[in-house]
N, C-alpha and C. Protein backbone atom coordinates (compact mmCIF):
# COMPACT_ATOMS: atom_id res chain seq x y z
N UNK A 1 155.35 23.69 106.98
CA UNK A 1 154.06 22.72 106.66
C UNK A 1 152.75 23.45 106.49
N UNK A 2 152.51 24.70 107.13
CA UNK A 2 151.35 24.98 106.71
C UNK A 2 151.59 25.71 104.98
N UNK A 3 152.58 25.81 104.66
CA UNK A 3 152.72 26.29 103.46
C UNK A 3 152.56 24.98 102.33
N UNK A 4 152.80 23.75 102.53
CA UNK A 4 152.20 22.75 102.24
C UNK A 4 150.75 22.43 102.20
N UNK A 5 150.36 22.61 103.28
CA UNK A 5 148.68 22.66 103.23
C UNK A 5 147.92 23.70 102.31
N UNK A 6 148.44 24.83 102.44
CA UNK A 6 147.85 25.57 101.74
C UNK A 6 147.72 25.81 100.26
N UNK A 7 148.89 25.02 99.55
CA UNK A 7 149.20 24.78 98.70
C UNK A 7 148.37 23.59 97.99
N UNK A 8 148.50 22.96 98.74
CA UNK A 8 147.39 21.70 98.28
C UNK A 8 146.28 21.84 98.38
N UNK A 9 145.57 23.05 99.61
CA UNK A 9 144.19 23.40 99.37
C UNK A 9 143.78 24.16 98.28
N UNK A 10 144.59 24.77 97.76
CA UNK A 10 144.84 25.74 96.59
C UNK A 10 144.19 24.47 95.07
N UNK A 11 144.86 23.86 95.16
CA UNK A 11 144.92 22.66 94.04
C UNK A 11 143.59 21.83 94.08
N UNK A 12 143.46 21.48 95.31
CA UNK A 12 141.71 20.56 95.49
C UNK A 12 140.67 21.34 95.37
N UNK A 13 140.85 22.85 95.64
CA UNK A 13 139.72 23.45 95.20
C UNK A 13 139.29 23.90 93.85
N UNK A 14 140.26 23.55 93.28
CA UNK A 14 140.20 23.87 91.74
C UNK A 14 139.85 22.83 90.80
N UNK A 15 140.08 21.63 91.30
CA UNK A 15 139.90 20.06 90.43
C UNK A 15 138.50 19.96 91.19
N UNK A 16 137.92 18.85 89.97
CA UNK A 16 136.78 18.12 90.10
C UNK A 16 136.70 17.46 91.34
N UNK A 17 135.26 17.40 92.09
CA UNK A 17 135.41 16.39 93.10
C UNK A 17 135.40 14.59 92.71
N UNK A 18 136.70 14.41 92.01
CA UNK A 18 136.63 12.94 91.85
C UNK A 18 138.45 12.52 92.65
N UNK A 19 138.32 11.25 93.34
CA UNK A 19 139.43 10.80 93.64
C UNK A 19 140.65 10.97 92.77
N UNK A 20 140.42 10.51 91.27
CA UNK A 20 141.41 10.45 90.35
C UNK A 20 141.97 12.19 90.06
N UNK A 21 141.41 13.04 90.08
CA UNK A 21 141.99 14.39 90.26
C UNK A 21 142.59 14.63 91.37
N UNK A 22 142.03 14.47 92.47
CA UNK A 22 142.71 14.72 93.70
C UNK A 22 144.03 14.18 93.94
N UNK A 23 144.21 12.68 93.39
CA UNK A 23 145.25 11.92 93.23
C UNK A 23 146.30 12.73 92.28
N UNK A 24 145.96 12.92 91.43
CA UNK A 24 146.69 13.81 90.28
C UNK A 24 147.27 15.00 90.70
N UNK A 25 146.56 15.62 91.12
CA UNK A 25 146.57 16.98 92.06
C UNK A 25 147.65 17.07 92.78
N UNK A 26 147.49 16.10 93.85
CA UNK A 26 148.52 15.75 94.98
C UNK A 26 150.31 15.24 94.37
N UNK A 27 149.92 14.24 93.28
CA UNK A 27 151.26 13.88 92.96
C UNK A 27 151.96 14.79 92.30
N UNK A 28 151.16 15.60 91.23
CA UNK A 28 151.81 16.53 90.54
C UNK A 28 152.45 17.97 91.19
N UNK A 29 151.49 18.29 92.66
CA UNK A 29 152.16 19.07 93.32
C UNK A 29 153.40 18.87 93.60
N UNK A 30 153.55 17.53 94.52
CA UNK A 30 154.91 17.03 95.11
C UNK A 30 156.14 16.83 94.06
N UNK A 31 155.36 16.51 93.02
CA UNK A 31 156.49 16.52 91.73
C UNK A 31 157.25 17.59 91.65
N UNK A 32 156.00 19.14 91.34
CA UNK A 32 156.96 20.38 90.93
C UNK A 32 157.46 20.91 92.22
N UNK A 33 157.09 20.46 93.49
CA UNK A 33 157.67 21.45 94.56
C UNK A 33 159.03 20.47 95.00
N UNK A 34 159.10 19.28 94.74
CA UNK A 34 160.39 18.63 94.88
C UNK A 34 161.49 19.09 93.80
N UNK A 35 161.05 18.87 92.38
CA UNK A 35 161.93 18.89 91.25
C UNK A 35 162.21 20.90 91.18
N UNK A 36 160.95 21.66 91.20
CA UNK A 36 161.42 23.00 91.34
C UNK A 36 161.78 23.45 89.81
N UNK A 37 161.23 23.45 88.94
CA UNK A 37 161.56 23.91 87.50
C UNK A 37 161.42 25.44 87.63
N UNK A 38 162.23 26.08 86.66
CA UNK A 38 162.25 27.43 86.57
C UNK A 38 160.76 27.57 86.35
N UNK A 39 160.25 29.04 87.19
CA UNK A 39 160.71 29.96 87.92
C UNK A 39 160.76 29.39 89.41
N UNK A 40 160.32 28.37 89.49
CA UNK A 40 159.99 27.77 91.20
C UNK A 40 161.47 27.98 91.58
N UNK A 41 162.43 27.45 91.25
CA UNK A 41 163.52 27.25 91.64
C UNK A 41 164.24 28.83 91.81
N UNK A 42 163.73 29.49 91.25
CA UNK A 42 164.28 31.11 91.26
C UNK A 42 163.53 31.91 92.58
N UNK A 43 162.52 31.49 92.47
CA UNK A 43 161.71 32.23 93.73
C UNK A 43 162.20 31.06 94.89
N UNK A 44 162.63 30.11 94.99
CA UNK A 44 162.83 29.23 96.03
C UNK A 44 164.38 29.97 96.61
N UNK A 45 165.28 30.36 95.80
CA UNK A 45 166.45 31.06 96.08
C UNK A 45 166.39 32.41 96.04
N UNK A 46 165.49 33.19 95.63
CA UNK A 46 165.37 34.63 95.57
C UNK A 46 164.73 35.47 96.48
N UNK A 47 163.61 34.97 96.66
CA UNK A 47 162.57 35.32 97.85
C UNK A 47 162.54 34.65 99.11
N UNK A 48 163.31 35.59 100.06
CA UNK A 48 163.59 35.05 101.14
C UNK A 48 162.50 35.16 102.66
N UNK A 49 162.62 34.43 103.53
CA UNK A 49 161.54 34.65 104.60
C UNK A 49 160.40 33.79 104.47
N UNK A 50 159.51 34.27 105.16
CA UNK A 50 158.55 32.91 104.99
C UNK A 50 157.25 33.47 103.63
N UNK A 51 157.75 34.66 103.05
CA UNK A 51 156.77 34.68 101.63
C UNK A 51 157.39 33.90 100.70
N UNK A 52 158.88 33.97 100.73
CA UNK A 52 159.24 33.08 99.73
C UNK A 52 159.01 31.48 100.07
N UNK A 53 159.04 30.86 101.31
CA UNK A 53 158.64 29.53 101.72
C UNK A 53 157.17 29.39 100.89
N UNK A 54 156.29 30.25 101.04
CA UNK A 54 155.08 30.23 100.63
C UNK A 54 154.83 30.19 99.32
N UNK A 55 155.82 31.09 98.55
CA UNK A 55 155.49 31.48 97.11
C UNK A 55 155.72 30.46 96.49
N UNK A 56 157.04 29.75 96.73
CA UNK A 56 157.43 28.47 95.77
C UNK A 56 156.57 27.36 95.51
N UNK A 57 155.75 27.24 96.80
CA UNK A 57 154.84 26.13 97.09
C UNK A 57 153.51 26.50 96.04
N UNK A 58 153.35 27.85 96.19
CA UNK A 58 152.21 28.29 95.30
C UNK A 58 152.44 28.10 93.89
N UNK A 59 153.56 28.64 93.59
CA UNK A 59 153.93 28.55 92.25
C UNK A 59 153.84 26.78 91.67
N UNK A 60 154.12 25.90 92.58
CA UNK A 60 154.21 24.29 92.42
C UNK A 60 153.03 24.20 92.44
N UNK A 61 151.83 24.74 93.11
CA UNK A 61 150.42 24.33 92.79
C UNK A 61 149.83 24.91 91.45
N UNK A 62 150.26 26.03 91.11
CA UNK A 62 150.08 26.57 89.52
C UNK A 62 150.35 25.94 88.72
N UNK A 63 151.55 25.21 88.43
CA UNK A 63 152.10 24.13 87.98
C UNK A 63 151.13 23.22 87.41
N UNK A 64 150.81 22.55 88.78
CA UNK A 64 150.07 21.66 88.75
C UNK A 64 148.61 21.45 88.01
N UNK A 65 148.19 22.78 88.56
CA UNK A 65 147.14 22.92 87.89
C UNK A 65 146.79 23.18 86.39
N UNK A 66 148.07 23.74 85.98
CA UNK A 66 148.18 24.16 84.26
C UNK A 66 148.19 22.60 83.68
N UNK A 67 149.14 21.76 84.30
CA UNK A 67 149.08 20.42 83.74
C UNK A 67 147.81 19.56 84.00
N UNK A 68 147.10 19.60 84.89
CA UNK A 68 145.69 19.26 84.89
C UNK A 68 145.00 19.73 84.31
N UNK A 69 144.88 20.97 83.87
CA UNK A 69 143.96 21.95 82.99
C UNK A 69 144.50 21.13 81.49
N UNK A 70 145.40 21.19 81.13
CA UNK A 70 145.91 20.59 79.91
C UNK A 70 145.31 19.09 79.55
N UNK A 71 145.55 18.12 80.41
CA UNK A 71 145.21 16.98 80.59
C UNK A 71 143.75 16.89 80.36
N UNK A 72 142.83 17.68 81.26
CA UNK A 72 141.39 17.82 81.08
C UNK A 72 140.97 18.30 79.67
N UNK A 73 141.57 19.13 79.09
CA UNK A 73 141.17 19.40 77.68
C UNK A 73 141.69 18.46 76.72
N UNK A 74 142.69 18.04 76.50
CA UNK A 74 143.33 16.93 75.82
C UNK A 74 142.50 15.64 75.78
N UNK A 75 141.88 15.11 77.16
CA UNK A 75 141.14 14.24 77.20
C UNK A 75 139.75 14.59 77.19
N UNK A 76 139.20 15.72 76.99
CA UNK A 76 138.03 16.07 76.97
C UNK A 76 136.86 16.07 78.05
N UNK A 77 137.57 15.97 79.30
CA UNK A 77 136.78 15.56 80.55
C UNK A 77 136.63 16.98 81.25
C-alpha cells in the first residue's frame, strides 16, 4: 500500500496543478503498474523483498511521467 502511495505522490509532484494532469497521471500509473512492460516486469521478478516491491512501482511512475512529458511536448502545453 505504501509503495502505491509513494509512487503516486512522485507523479503528482511532477505534473502541473490541473485535474486533467492528475487524472492522466493516476490512470497511466495504474496502467503501467498492472501491465508491467519491460523492465518493470523484470524488476518485479528479479528484485526481492520490500525494495523490489517499491522499485517496480517507482518504475511504473517514471513510465507515466515520460508519457505525460511526451504528451505535453506534443500538445505544446
